[in-house]
Amino acid sequence: MQYRAMRALLLFFLFCSAWTVPARAQVGALQTDCKLGGGGPGGYQFVATCAGRARSPDGHFAVVQRAYQDKQPPIEVQDARGRVVARLSSISDDMPFSVHWAPNSRWFFVNHHVGSFMDVLRVFEIAGGKVIERPALGRAAVKTASLRYPCLGRDMVLPNGVRWARGGHSIVLVTISRPDACSSDHTNRPGRWKPLWMIGDARTGRVEARSIQPNRDARGLREPRGGLYSRP
Protein backbone atom coordinates (compact mmCIF):
# COMPACT_ATOMS: atom_id res chain seq x y z
CA MET A 1 0.00 0.00 0.00
CA GLN A 2 1.37 3.43 -0.88
CA TYR A 3 2.08 5.42 2.27
CA ARG A 4 0.07 8.42 1.03
CA ALA A 5 -3.10 6.34 0.87
CA MET A 6 -2.36 4.65 4.16
CA ARG A 7 -1.74 7.93 5.95
CA ALA A 8 -4.91 9.45 4.51
CA LEU A 9 -6.85 6.55 5.99
CA LEU A 10 -5.16 7.00 9.34
CA LEU A 11 -5.99 10.69 9.44
CA PHE A 12 -9.58 10.07 8.37
CA PHE A 13 -10.16 7.65 11.22
CA LEU A 14 -8.66 10.11 13.68
CA PHE A 15 -11.54 12.53 13.42
CA CYS A 16 -14.37 10.10 12.70
CA SER A 17 -16.49 8.93 15.61
CA ALA A 18 -15.86 5.31 14.64
CA TRP A 19 -12.47 4.07 15.81
CA THR A 20 -12.20 1.19 13.37
CA VAL A 21 -8.60 0.74 12.26
CA PRO A 22 -7.57 -0.19 8.69
CA ALA A 23 -6.34 -3.77 8.72
CA ARG A 24 -2.88 -3.03 7.30
CA ALA A 25 -2.22 0.25 9.10
CA GLN A 26 0.70 0.40 11.51
CA VAL A 27 -1.27 1.10 14.65
CA GLY A 28 -1.96 -0.50 17.99
CA ALA A 29 0.13 -3.65 17.97
CA LEU A 30 2.64 -2.47 15.42
CA GLN A 31 2.89 -4.21 12.07
CA THR A 32 6.36 -5.39 11.13
CA ASP A 33 5.63 -6.23 7.51
CA CYS A 34 8.56 -4.74 5.61
CA LYS A 35 6.47 -4.71 2.42
CA LEU A 36 4.60 -1.72 3.92
CA GLY A 37 7.80 0.35 3.85
CA GLY A 38 9.51 2.21 1.06
CA GLY A 39 9.29 5.32 -1.04
CA GLY A 40 6.44 6.85 -2.98
CA PRO A 41 4.77 10.16 -3.85
CA GLY A 42 3.83 10.62 -0.19
CA GLY A 43 7.37 10.28 1.18
CA TYR A 44 9.40 7.35 2.45
CA GLN A 45 7.66 5.11 5.02
CA PHE A 46 9.77 3.43 7.70
CA VAL A 47 8.39 0.30 9.38
CA ALA A 48 9.38 -0.87 12.85
CA THR A 49 12.16 -3.54 12.78
CA CYS A 50 12.73 -3.09 9.03
CA ALA A 51 15.74 -1.59 7.28
CA GLY A 52 15.03 1.59 5.34
CA ARG A 53 16.88 4.40 3.61
CA ALA A 54 15.27 7.69 2.55
CA ARG A 55 17.70 9.46 0.22
CA SER A 56 17.71 13.20 -0.36
CA PRO A 57 16.93 14.31 -3.93
CA ASP A 58 20.58 15.19 -4.60
CA GLY A 59 21.81 11.89 -3.16
CA HIS A 60 24.13 13.59 -0.66
CA PHE A 61 22.24 12.52 2.46
CA ALA A 62 19.94 9.77 3.67
CA VAL A 63 17.83 9.05 6.73
CA VAL A 64 18.62 5.46 7.68
CA GLN A 65 17.09 2.81 9.91
CA ARG A 66 18.95 -0.48 10.29
CA ALA A 67 17.03 -3.73 10.62
CA TYR A 68 16.59 -5.00 14.16
CA GLN A 69 14.64 -7.46 16.28
CA ASP A 70 14.39 -6.39 19.91
CA LYS A 71 16.21 -3.09 20.44
CA GLN A 72 15.99 -0.35 17.85
CA PRO A 73 19.34 1.13 16.79
CA PRO A 74 19.50 4.94 16.50
CA ILE A 75 17.87 6.55 13.47
CA GLU A 76 20.75 8.15 11.56
CA VAL A 77 21.35 10.80 8.94
CA GLN A 78 24.25 9.63 6.79
CA ASP A 79 26.20 11.30 4.00
CA ALA A 80 26.79 9.78 0.57
CA ARG A 81 29.74 7.78 1.90
CA GLY A 82 27.69 6.25 4.71
CA ARG A 83 29.27 8.38 7.42
CA VAL A 84 26.96 9.33 10.29
CA VAL A 85 26.11 13.05 10.26
CA ALA A 86 23.59 12.89 13.13
CA ARG A 87 21.41 10.59 15.19
CA LEU A 88 17.76 11.55 15.48
CA SER A 89 16.99 10.74 19.09
CA SER A 90 13.58 12.45 18.95
CA ILE A 91 12.19 9.78 16.61
CA SER A 92 14.18 6.77 17.83
CA ASP A 93 11.42 5.16 19.89
CA ASP A 94 10.47 2.03 17.95
CA MET A 95 7.53 3.69 16.19
CA PRO A 96 6.90 4.01 12.45
CA PHE A 97 7.60 7.31 10.74
CA SER A 98 7.79 8.85 7.29
CA VAL A 99 10.40 11.20 5.81
CA HIS A 100 9.73 13.91 3.21
CA TRP A 101 12.80 15.62 1.75
CA ALA A 102 12.64 19.19 0.46
CA PRO A 103 13.65 19.68 -3.18
CA ASN A 104 16.85 21.43 -2.09
CA SER A 105 17.94 18.41 0.01
CA ARG A 106 18.77 20.62 3.01
CA TRP A 107 15.45 20.27 4.81
CA PHE A 108 13.22 17.32 5.59
CA PHE A 109 10.16 16.77 7.70
CA VAL A 110 9.07 13.69 9.54
CA ASN A 111 5.58 12.52 10.39
CA HIS A 112 6.36 10.62 13.56
CA HIS A 113 3.79 8.21 15.00
CA VAL A 114 3.57 8.69 18.75
CA GLY A 115 0.94 6.05 19.55
CA SER A 116 -2.84 5.58 19.16
CA PHE A 117 -2.20 5.93 15.40
CA MET A 118 -1.63 9.69 15.81
CA ASP A 119 1.49 11.25 14.35
CA VAL A 120 3.17 14.61 14.81
CA LEU A 121 5.30 16.83 12.58
CA ARG A 122 9.03 17.29 13.13
CA VAL A 123 11.11 19.55 10.89
CA PHE A 124 14.89 19.26 10.41
CA GLU A 125 17.49 21.41 8.67
CA ILE A 126 20.97 20.35 7.55
CA ALA A 127 23.27 23.33 8.09
CA GLY A 128 26.95 23.70 8.89
CA GLY A 129 27.48 19.97 8.82
CA LYS A 130 24.83 19.41 11.49
CA VAL A 131 21.20 18.27 11.54
CA ILE A 132 19.13 20.73 13.55
CA GLU A 133 15.54 20.17 14.62
CA ARG A 134 13.37 23.25 13.99
CA PRO A 135 10.21 23.07 16.14
CA ALA A 136 8.89 26.58 15.43
CA LEU A 137 6.58 25.66 12.56
CA GLY A 138 4.96 22.80 14.44
CA ARG A 139 4.34 25.10 17.40
CA ALA A 140 2.88 27.77 15.14
CA ALA A 141 0.48 25.24 13.61
CA VAL A 142 -0.68 24.15 17.07
CA LYS A 143 -1.20 27.76 18.12
CA THR A 144 -3.14 28.51 14.93
CA ALA A 145 -5.55 25.61 15.49
CA SER A 146 -6.11 26.35 19.18
CA LEU A 147 -6.86 30.01 18.41
CA ARG A 148 -9.35 29.05 15.68
CA TYR A 149 -11.00 26.47 17.96
CA PRO A 150 -10.72 27.62 21.62
CA CYS A 151 -12.11 24.30 22.84
CA LEU A 152 -8.88 22.61 21.72
CA GLY A 153 -6.10 22.47 24.26
CA ARG A 154 -2.71 22.77 22.64
CA ASP A 155 -1.82 19.28 23.82
CA MET A 156 -4.78 18.01 21.76
CA VAL A 157 -3.55 19.43 18.44
CA LEU A 158 -1.29 17.33 16.21
CA PRO A 159 0.21 19.02 13.13
CA ASN A 160 0.98 16.71 10.22
CA GLY A 161 3.08 17.48 7.16
CA VAL A 162 1.50 16.56 3.83
CA ARG A 163 4.01 17.77 1.23
CA TRP A 164 6.48 20.48 0.32
CA ALA A 165 4.72 23.41 -1.31
CA ARG A 166 5.68 25.45 -4.35
CA GLY A 167 9.10 27.06 -3.85
CA GLY A 168 10.47 24.19 -1.78
CA HIS A 169 10.71 25.93 1.62
CA SER A 170 7.09 25.77 2.75
CA ILE A 171 5.13 22.77 3.99
CA VAL A 172 1.45 22.02 3.48
CA LEU A 173 0.13 21.05 6.92
CA VAL A 174 -3.09 19.77 8.42
CA THR A 175 -3.86 19.76 12.15
CA ILE A 176 -5.87 16.91 13.62
CA SER A 177 -7.18 15.97 17.06
CA ARG A 178 -8.91 13.05 18.70
CA PRO A 179 -12.68 12.96 18.06
CA ASP A 180 -13.59 13.85 21.66
CA ALA A 181 -10.94 16.56 22.06
CA CYS A 182 -13.57 19.29 22.52
CA SER A 183 -15.84 17.30 24.83
CA SER A 184 -16.39 18.19 28.49
CA ASP A 185 -14.04 15.33 29.37
CA HIS A 186 -11.09 17.33 28.07
CA THR A 187 -12.02 21.01 28.19
CA ASN A 188 -14.06 23.42 30.26
CA ARG A 189 -15.17 25.10 27.03
CA PRO A 190 -16.80 22.30 25.01
CA GLY A 191 -17.31 22.95 21.34
CA ARG A 192 -16.57 21.62 17.87
CA TRP A 193 -13.44 21.49 15.76
CA LYS A 194 -12.36 20.65 12.25
CA PRO A 195 -9.02 19.65 10.77
CA LEU A 196 -7.30 22.85 9.72
CA TRP A 197 -5.22 23.19 6.56
CA MET A 198 -2.38 25.70 6.38
CA ILE A 199 0.98 26.36 4.73
CA GLY A 200 4.01 27.30 6.80
CA ASP A 201 7.57 28.37 6.05
CA ALA A 202 10.14 25.95 7.45
CA ARG A 203 12.79 28.70 7.61
CA THR A 204 10.81 31.28 9.58
CA GLY A 205 8.44 28.95 11.42
CA ARG A 206 5.49 31.12 10.39
CA VAL A 207 2.11 30.10 9.04
CA GLU A 208 0.79 32.00 6.02
CA ALA A 209 -2.48 33.52 7.27
CA ARG A 210 -4.06 33.44 3.80
CA SER A 211 -3.57 29.70 3.61
CA ILE A 212 -5.59 28.77 6.71
CA GLN A 213 -8.73 26.81 5.79
CA PRO A 214 -10.89 24.29 7.67
CA ASN A 215 -11.32 20.92 6.05
CA ARG A 216 -14.55 21.11 4.04
CA ASP A 217 -15.08 17.48 3.01
CA ALA A 218 -17.21 15.55 5.51
CA ARG A 219 -16.02 12.27 3.99
CA GLY A 220 -12.36 12.72 4.96
CA LEU A 221 -9.34 14.94 4.57
CA ARG A 222 -9.09 16.76 1.26
CA GLU A 223 -6.36 19.30 0.61
CA PRO A 224 -7.62 22.67 -0.72
CA ARG A 225 -7.00 23.34 -4.39
CA GLY A 226 -5.71 26.34 -6.29
CA GLY A 227 -4.14 29.55 -5.07
CA LEU A 228 -1.41 28.97 -2.51
CA TYR A 229 -2.13 25.25 -2.70
CA SER A 230 -1.33 25.00 -6.41
CA ARG A 231 1.19 22.26 -7.05
CA PRO A 232 4.49 22.90 -8.84
C-alpha atoms as a PDB file:
ATOM      1  CA  MET A   1       0.000   0.000   0.000  1.00  0.00           C
ATOM      2  CA  GLN A   2       1.365   3.426  -0.884  1.00  0.00           C
ATOM      3  CA  TYR A   3       2.082   5.421   2.268  1.00  0.00           C
ATOM      4  CA  ARG A   4       0.070   8.422   1.026  1.00  0.00           C
ATOM      5  CA  ALA A   5      -3.096   6.342   0.870  1.00  0.00           C
ATOM      6  CA  MET A   6      -2.356   4.650   4.165  1.00  0.00           C
ATOM      7  CA  ARG A   7      -1.742   7.934   5.954  1.00  0.00           C
ATOM      8  CA  ALA A   8      -4.913   9.448   4.509  1.00  0.00           C
ATOM      9  CA  LEU A   9      -6.850   6.548   5.991  1.00  0.00           C
ATOM     10  CA  LEU A  10      -5.156   7.004   9.343  1.00  0.00           C
ATOM     11  CA  LEU A  11      -5.995  10.691   9.437  1.00  0.00           C
ATOM     12  CA  PHE A  12      -9.575  10.071   8.368  1.00  0.00           C
ATOM     13  CA  PHE A  13     -10.163   7.652  11.216  1.00  0.00           C
ATOM     14  CA  LEU A  14      -8.662  10.108  13.684  1.00  0.00           C
ATOM     15  CA  PHE A  15     -11.540  12.532  13.424  1.00  0.00           C
ATOM     16  CA  CYS A  16     -14.365  10.097  12.698  1.00  0.00           C
ATOM     17  CA  SER A  17     -16.494   8.932  15.611  1.00  0.00           C
ATOM     18  CA  ALA A  18     -15.858   5.307  14.644  1.00  0.00           C
ATOM     19  CA  TRP A  19     -12.467   4.068  15.810  1.00  0.00           C
ATOM     20  CA  THR A  20     -12.203   1.185  13.369  1.00  0.00           C
ATOM     21  CA  VAL A  21      -8.602   0.740  12.261  1.00  0.00           C
ATOM     22  CA  PRO A  22      -7.571  -0.191   8.694  1.00  0.00           C
ATOM     23  CA  ALA A  23      -6.338  -3.765   8.716  1.00  0.00           C
ATOM     24  CA  ARG A  24      -2.878  -3.029   7.303  1.00  0.00           C
ATOM     25  CA  ALA A  25      -2.222   0.251   9.103  1.00  0.00           C
ATOM     26  CA  GLN A  26       0.697   0.400  11.510  1.00  0.00           C
ATOM     27  CA  VAL A  27      -1.271   1.105  14.647  1.00  0.00           C
ATOM     28  CA  GLY A  28      -1.961  -0.497  17.991  1.00  0.00           C
ATOM     29  CA  ALA A  29       0.127  -3.654  17.973  1.00  0.00           C
ATOM     30  CA  LEU A  30       2.641  -2.475  15.421  1.00  0.00           C
ATOM     31  CA  GLN A  31       2.886  -4.205  12.070  1.00  0.00           C
ATOM     32  CA  THR A  32       6.363  -5.386  11.134  1.00  0.00           C
ATOM     33  CA  ASP A  33       5.632  -6.227   7.507  1.00  0.00           C
ATOM     34  CA  CYS A  34       8.560  -4.740   5.608  1.00  0.00           C
ATOM     35  CA  LYS A  35       6.468  -4.710   2.420  1.00  0.00           C
ATOM     36  CA  LEU A  36       4.601  -1.724   3.916  1.00  0.00           C
ATOM     37  CA  GLY A  37       7.803   0.347   3.852  1.00  0.00           C
ATOM     38  CA  GLY A  38       9.513   2.206   1.060  1.00  0.00           C
ATOM     39  CA  GLY A  39       9.285   5.322  -1.036  1.00  0.00           C
ATOM     40  CA  GLY A  40       6.439   6.851  -2.985  1.00  0.00           C
ATOM     41  CA  PRO A  41       4.769  10.163  -3.852  1.00  0.00           C
ATOM     42  CA  GLY A  42       3.834  10.624  -0.188  1.00  0.00           C
ATOM     43  CA  GLY A  43       7.366  10.282   1.182  1.00  0.00           C
ATOM     44  CA  TYR A  44       9.401   7.347   2.450  1.00  0.00           C
ATOM     45  CA  GLN A  45       7.661   5.114   5.015  1.00  0.00           C
ATOM     46  CA  PHE A  46       9.772   3.430   7.700  1.00  0.00           C
ATOM     47  CA  VAL A  47       8.385   0.303   9.378  1.00  0.00           C
ATOM     48  CA  ALA A  48       9.382  -0.867  12.849  1.00  0.00           C
ATOM     49  CA  THR A  49      12.161  -3.539  12.784  1.00  0.00           C
ATOM     50  CA  CYS A  50      12.734  -3.095   9.026  1.00  0.00           C
ATOM     51  CA  ALA A  51      15.740  -1.591   7.283  1.00  0.00           C
ATOM     52  CA  GLY A  52      15.035   1.590   5.342  1.00  0.00           C
ATOM     53  CA  ARG A  53      16.883   4.405   3.613  1.00  0.00           C
ATOM     54  CA  ALA A  54      15.274   7.690   2.548  1.00  0.00           C
ATOM     55  CA  ARG A  55      17.705   9.457   0.220  1.00  0.00           C
ATOM     56  CA  SER A  56      17.712  13.199  -0.362  1.00  0.00           C
ATOM     57  CA  PRO A  57      16.928  14.307  -3.934  1.00  0.00           C
ATOM     58  CA  ASP A  58      20.577  15.189  -4.605  1.00  0.00           C
ATOM     59  CA  GLY A  59      21.805  11.887  -3.160  1.00  0.00           C
ATOM     60  CA  HIS A  60      24.132  13.586  -0.660  1.00  0.00           C
ATOM     61  CA  PHE A  61      22.236  12.518   2.461  1.00  0.00           C
ATOM     62  CA  ALA A  62      19.941   9.768   3.666  1.00  0.00           C
ATOM     63  CA  VAL A  63      17.832   9.046   6.726  1.00  0.00           C
ATOM     64  CA  VAL A  64      18.623   5.458   7.679  1.00  0.00           C
ATOM     65  CA  GLN A  65      17.091   2.809   9.906  1.00  0.00           C
ATOM     66  CA  ARG A  66      18.946  -0.484  10.289  1.00  0.00           C
ATOM     67  CA  ALA A  67      17.027  -3.732  10.615  1.00  0.00           C
ATOM     68  CA  TYR A  68      16.587  -4.995  14.159  1.00  0.00           C
ATOM     69  CA  GLN A  69      14.636  -7.462  16.276  1.00  0.00           C
ATOM     70  CA  ASP A  70      14.389  -6.387  19.915  1.00  0.00           C
ATOM     71  CA  LYS A  71      16.211  -3.090  20.442  1.00  0.00           C
ATOM     72  CA  GLN A  72      15.986  -0.352  17.855  1.00  0.00           C
ATOM     73  CA  PRO A  73      19.336   1.128  16.788  1.00  0.00           C
ATOM     74  CA  PRO A  74      19.503   4.935  16.503  1.00  0.00           C
ATOM     75  CA  ILE A  75      17.872   6.546  13.467  1.00  0.00           C
ATOM     76  CA  GLU A  76      20.751   8.151  11.558  1.00  0.00           C
ATOM     77  CA  VAL A  77      21.350  10.803   8.940  1.00  0.00           C
ATOM     78  CA  GLN A  78      24.246   9.632   6.785  1.00  0.00           C
ATOM     79  CA  ASP A  79      26.205  11.299   4.004  1.00  0.00           C
ATOM     80  CA  ALA A  80      26.789   9.784   0.566  1.00  0.00           C
ATOM     81  CA  ARG A  81      29.740   7.777   1.900  1.00  0.00           C
ATOM     82  CA  GLY A  82      27.689   6.246   4.706  1.00  0.00           C
ATOM     83  CA  ARG A  83      29.266   8.378   7.420  1.00  0.00           C
ATOM     84  CA  VAL A  84      26.962   9.334  10.286  1.00  0.00           C
ATOM     85  CA  VAL A  85      26.114  13.048  10.260  1.00  0.00           C
ATOM     86  CA  ALA A  86      23.592  12.887  13.126  1.00  0.00           C
ATOM     87  CA  ARG A  87      21.412  10.587  15.188  1.00  0.00           C
ATOM     88  CA  LEU A  88      17.758  11.554  15.483  1.00  0.00           C
ATOM     89  CA  SER A  89      16.991  10.736  19.092  1.00  0.00           C
ATOM     90  CA  SER A  90      13.582  12.454  18.954  1.00  0.00           C
ATOM     91  CA  ILE A  91      12.193   9.775  16.613  1.00  0.00           C
ATOM     92  CA  SER A  92      14.177   6.768  17.832  1.00  0.00           C
ATOM     93  CA  ASP A  93      11.424   5.158  19.893  1.00  0.00           C
ATOM     94  CA  ASP A  94      10.475   2.026  17.945  1.00  0.00           C
ATOM     95  CA  MET A  95       7.527   3.691  16.191  1.00  0.00           C
ATOM     96  CA  PRO A  96       6.902   4.006  12.446  1.00  0.00           C
ATOM     97  CA  PHE A  97       7.596   7.313  10.739  1.00  0.00           C
ATOM     98  CA  SER A  98       7.786   8.846   7.293  1.00  0.00           C
ATOM     99  CA  VAL A  99      10.398  11.196   5.813  1.00  0.00           C
ATOM    100  CA  HIS A 100       9.733  13.905   3.214  1.00  0.00           C
ATOM    101  CA  TRP A 101      12.795  15.623   1.745  1.00  0.00           C
ATOM    102  CA  ALA A 102      12.643  19.194   0.458  1.00  0.00           C
ATOM    103  CA  PRO A 103      13.648  19.678  -3.181  1.00  0.00           C
ATOM    104  CA  ASN A 104      16.852  21.430  -2.093  1.00  0.00           C
ATOM    105  CA  SER A 105      17.938  18.413   0.012  1.00  0.00           C
ATOM    106  CA  ARG A 106      18.769  20.622   3.011  1.00  0.00           C
ATOM    107  CA  TRP A 107      15.454  20.271   4.814  1.00  0.00           C
ATOM    108  CA  PHE A 108      13.224  17.321   5.593  1.00  0.00           C
ATOM    109  CA  PHE A 109      10.162  16.773   7.699  1.00  0.00           C
ATOM    110  CA  VAL A 110       9.073  13.686   9.545  1.00  0.00           C
ATOM    111  CA  ASN A 111       5.581  12.518  10.392  1.00  0.00           C
ATOM    112  CA  HIS A 112       6.360  10.624  13.561  1.00  0.00           C
ATOM    113  CA  HIS A 113       3.795   8.212  15.001  1.00  0.00           C
ATOM    114  CA  VAL A 114       3.570   8.687  18.755  1.00  0.00           C
ATOM    115  CA  GLY A 115       0.938   6.046  19.548  1.00  0.00           C
ATOM    116  CA  SER A 116      -2.836   5.584  19.164  1.00  0.00           C
ATOM    117  CA  PHE A 117      -2.202   5.927  15.404  1.00  0.00           C
ATOM    118  CA  MET A 118      -1.633   9.690  15.812  1.00  0.00           C
ATOM    119  CA  ASP A 119       1.486  11.251  14.350  1.00  0.00           C
ATOM    120  CA  VAL A 120       3.167  14.612  14.807  1.00  0.00           C
ATOM    121  CA  LEU A 121       5.298  16.827  12.576  1.00  0.00           C
ATOM    122  CA  ARG A 122       9.030  17.287  13.135  1.00  0.00           C
ATOM    123  CA  VAL A 123      11.112  19.551  10.889  1.00  0.00           C
ATOM    124  CA  PHE A 124      14.887  19.259  10.414  1.00  0.00           C
ATOM    125  CA  GLU A 125      17.494  21.407   8.674  1.00  0.00           C
ATOM    126  CA  ILE A 126      20.970  20.347   7.554  1.00  0.00           C
ATOM    127  CA  ALA A 127      23.265  23.334   8.088  1.00  0.00           C
ATOM    128  CA  GLY A 128      26.951  23.704   8.889  1.00  0.00           C
ATOM    129  CA  GLY A 129      27.484  19.968   8.816  1.00  0.00           C
ATOM    130  CA  LYS A 130      24.827  19.410  11.485  1.00  0.00           C
ATOM    131  CA  VAL A 131      21.204  18.273  11.543  1.00  0.00           C
ATOM    132  CA  ILE A 132      19.128  20.732  13.547  1.00  0.00           C
ATOM    133  CA  GLU A 133      15.541  20.168  14.619  1.00  0.00           C
ATOM    134  CA  ARG A 134      13.374  23.247  13.992  1.00  0.00           C
ATOM    135  CA  PRO A 135      10.212  23.066  16.139  1.00  0.00           C
ATOM    136  CA  ALA A 136       8.894  26.581  15.428  1.00  0.00           C
ATOM    137  CA  LEU A 137       6.578  25.660  12.558  1.00  0.00           C
ATOM    138  CA  GLY A 138       4.961  22.802  14.442  1.00  0.00           C
ATOM    139  CA  ARG A 139       4.336  25.096  17.402  1.00  0.00           C
ATOM    140  CA  ALA A 140       2.883  27.769  15.136  1.00  0.00           C
ATOM    141  CA  ALA A 141       0.482  25.241  13.611  1.00  0.00           C
ATOM    142  CA  VAL A 142      -0.683  24.145  17.065  1.00  0.00           C
ATOM    143  CA  LYS A 143      -1.200  27.763  18.119  1.00  0.00           C
ATOM    144  CA  THR A 144      -3.144  28.508  14.929  1.00  0.00           C
ATOM    145  CA  ALA A 145      -5.546  25.611  15.489  1.00  0.00           C
ATOM    146  CA  SER A 146      -6.109  26.355  19.178  1.00  0.00           C
ATOM    147  CA  LEU A 147      -6.859  30.007  18.411  1.00  0.00           C
ATOM    148  CA  ARG A 148      -9.346  29.052  15.684  1.00  0.00           C
ATOM    149  CA  TYR A 149     -11.001  26.470  17.963  1.00  0.00           C
ATOM    150  CA  PRO A 150     -10.716  27.621  21.617  1.00  0.00           C
ATOM    151  CA  CYS A 151     -12.110  24.296  22.838  1.00  0.00           C
ATOM    152  CA  LEU A 152      -8.880  22.613  21.718  1.00  0.00           C
ATOM    153  CA  GLY A 153      -6.103  22.471  24.259  1.00  0.00           C
ATOM    154  CA  ARG A 154      -2.710  22.772  22.640  1.00  0.00           C
ATOM    155  CA  ASP A 155      -1.824  19.279  23.816  1.00  0.00           C
ATOM    156  CA  MET A 156      -4.784  18.014  21.762  1.00  0.00           C
ATOM    157  CA  VAL A 157      -3.550  19.429  18.438  1.00  0.00           C
ATOM    158  CA  LEU A 158      -1.290  17.333  16.211  1.00  0.00           C
ATOM    159  CA  PRO A 159       0.211  19.024  13.131  1.00  0.00           C
ATOM    160  CA  ASN A 160       0.985  16.715  10.222  1.00  0.00           C
ATOM    161  CA  GLY A 161       3.081  17.482   7.158  1.00  0.00           C
ATOM    162  CA  VAL A 162       1.500  16.560   3.830  1.00  0.00           C
ATOM    163  CA  ARG A 163       4.013  17.769   1.227  1.00  0.00           C
ATOM    164  CA  TRP A 164       6.482  20.478   0.318  1.00  0.00           C
ATOM    165  CA  ALA A 165       4.717  23.408  -1.314  1.00  0.00           C
ATOM    166  CA  ARG A 166       5.685  25.453  -4.351  1.00  0.00           C
ATOM    167  CA  GLY A 167       9.099  27.061  -3.855  1.00  0.00           C
ATOM    168  CA  GLY A 168      10.470  24.189  -1.781  1.00  0.00           C
ATOM    169  CA  HIS A 169      10.712  25.935   1.621  1.00  0.00           C
ATOM    170  CA  SER A 170       7.092  25.771   2.752  1.00  0.00           C
ATOM    171  CA  ILE A 171       5.132  22.772   3.987  1.00  0.00           C
ATOM    172  CA  VAL A 172       1.454  22.019   3.476  1.00  0.00           C
ATOM    173  CA  LEU A 173       0.125  21.052   6.923  1.00  0.00           C
ATOM    174  CA  VAL A 174      -3.086  19.774   8.419  1.00  0.00           C
ATOM    175  CA  THR A 175      -3.863  19.764  12.150  1.00  0.00           C
ATOM    176  CA  ILE A 176      -5.871  16.907  13.618  1.00  0.00           C
ATOM    177  CA  SER A 177      -7.181  15.971  17.063  1.00  0.00           C
ATOM    178  CA  ARG A 178      -8.906  13.048  18.698  1.00  0.00           C
ATOM    179  CA  PRO A 179     -12.676  12.956  18.063  1.00  0.00           C
ATOM    180  CA  ASP A 180     -13.590  13.845  21.665  1.00  0.00           C
ATOM    181  CA  ALA A 181     -10.938  16.560  22.064  1.00  0.00           C
ATOM    182  CA  CYS A 182     -13.566  19.285  22.516  1.00  0.00           C
ATOM    183  CA  SER A 183     -15.840  17.304  24.826  1.00  0.00           C
ATOM    184  CA  SER A 184     -16.391  18.186  28.485  1.00  0.00           C
ATOM    185  CA  ASP A 185     -14.043  15.332  29.374  1.00  0.00           C
ATOM    186  CA  HIS A 186     -11.094  17.331  28.066  1.00  0.00           C
ATOM    187  CA  THR A 187     -12.017  21.009  28.193  1.00  0.00           C
ATOM    188  CA  ASN A 188     -14.059  23.422  30.264  1.00  0.00           C
ATOM    189  CA  ARG A 189     -15.175  25.100  27.032  1.00  0.00           C
ATOM    190  CA  PRO A 190     -16.803  22.301  25.011  1.00  0.00           C
ATOM    191  CA  GLY A 191     -17.310  22.951  21.344  1.00  0.00           C
ATOM    192  CA  ARG A 192     -16.568  21.618  17.868  1.00  0.00           C
ATOM    193  CA  TRP A 193     -13.445  21.494  15.765  1.00  0.00           C
ATOM    194  CA  LYS A 194     -12.364  20.649  12.247  1.00  0.00           C
ATOM    195  CA  PRO A 195      -9.017  19.646  10.772  1.00  0.00           C
ATOM    196  CA  LEU A 196      -7.304  22.846   9.718  1.00  0.00           C
ATOM    197  CA  TRP A 197      -5.222  23.195   6.563  1.00  0.00           C
ATOM    198  CA  MET A 198      -2.382  25.704   6.375  1.00  0.00           C
ATOM    199  CA  ILE A 199       0.979  26.359   4.733  1.00  0.00           C
ATOM    200  CA  GLY A 200       4.011  27.302   6.798  1.00  0.00           C
ATOM    201  CA  ASP A 201       7.569  28.369   6.051  1.00  0.00           C
ATOM    202  CA  ALA A 202      10.144  25.952   7.449  1.00  0.00           C
ATOM    203  CA  ARG A 203      12.787  28.699   7.609  1.00  0.00           C
ATOM    204  CA  THR A 204      10.806  31.276   9.580  1.00  0.00           C
ATOM    205  CA  GLY A 205       8.444  28.952  11.417  1.00  0.00           C
ATOM    206  CA  ARG A 206       5.493  31.123  10.395  1.00  0.00           C
ATOM    207  CA  VAL A 207       2.108  30.101   9.043  1.00  0.00           C
ATOM    208  CA  GLU A 208       0.792  32.002   6.023  1.00  0.00           C
ATOM    209  CA  ALA A 209      -2.475  33.517   7.273  1.00  0.00           C
ATOM    210  CA  ARG A 210      -4.057  33.445   3.796  1.00  0.00           C
ATOM    211  CA  SER A 211      -3.570  29.695   3.607  1.00  0.00           C
ATOM    212  CA  ILE A 212      -5.592  28.766   6.715  1.00  0.00           C
ATOM    213  CA  GLN A 213      -8.727  26.811   5.791  1.00  0.00           C
ATOM    214  CA  PRO A 214     -10.895  24.289   7.668  1.00  0.00           C
ATOM    215  CA  ASN A 215     -11.322  20.919   6.046  1.00  0.00           C
ATOM    216  CA  ARG A 216     -14.552  21.109   4.044  1.00  0.00           C
ATOM    217  CA  ASP A 217     -15.076  17.481   3.013  1.00  0.00           C
ATOM    218  CA  ALA A 218     -17.209  15.546   5.506  1.00  0.00           C
ATOM    219  CA  ARG A 219     -16.019  12.265   3.988  1.00  0.00           C
ATOM    220  CA  GLY A 220     -12.357  12.718   4.957  1.00  0.00           C
ATOM    221  CA  LEU A 221      -9.343  14.941   4.574  1.00  0.00           C
ATOM    222  CA  ARG A 222      -9.087  16.762   1.264  1.00  0.00           C
ATOM    223  CA  GLU A 223      -6.358  19.302   0.609  1.00  0.00           C
ATOM    224  CA  PRO A 224      -7.620  22.671  -0.716  1.00  0.00           C
ATOM    225  CA  ARG A 225      -6.998  23.341  -4.393  1.00  0.00           C
ATOM    226  CA  GLY A 226      -5.709  26.342  -6.288  1.00  0.00           C
ATOM    227  CA  GLY A 227      -4.144  29.547  -5.066  1.00  0.00           C
ATOM    228  CA  LEU A 228      -1.412  28.968  -2.507  1.00  0.00           C
ATOM    229  CA  TYR A 229      -2.128  25.249  -2.704  1.00  0.00           C
ATOM    230  CA  SER A 230      -1.325  24.996  -6.409  1.00  0.00           C
ATOM    231  CA  ARG A 231       1.186  22.264  -7.050  1.00  0.00           C
ATOM    232  CA  PRO A 232       4.490  22.903  -8.842  1.00  0.00           C
END
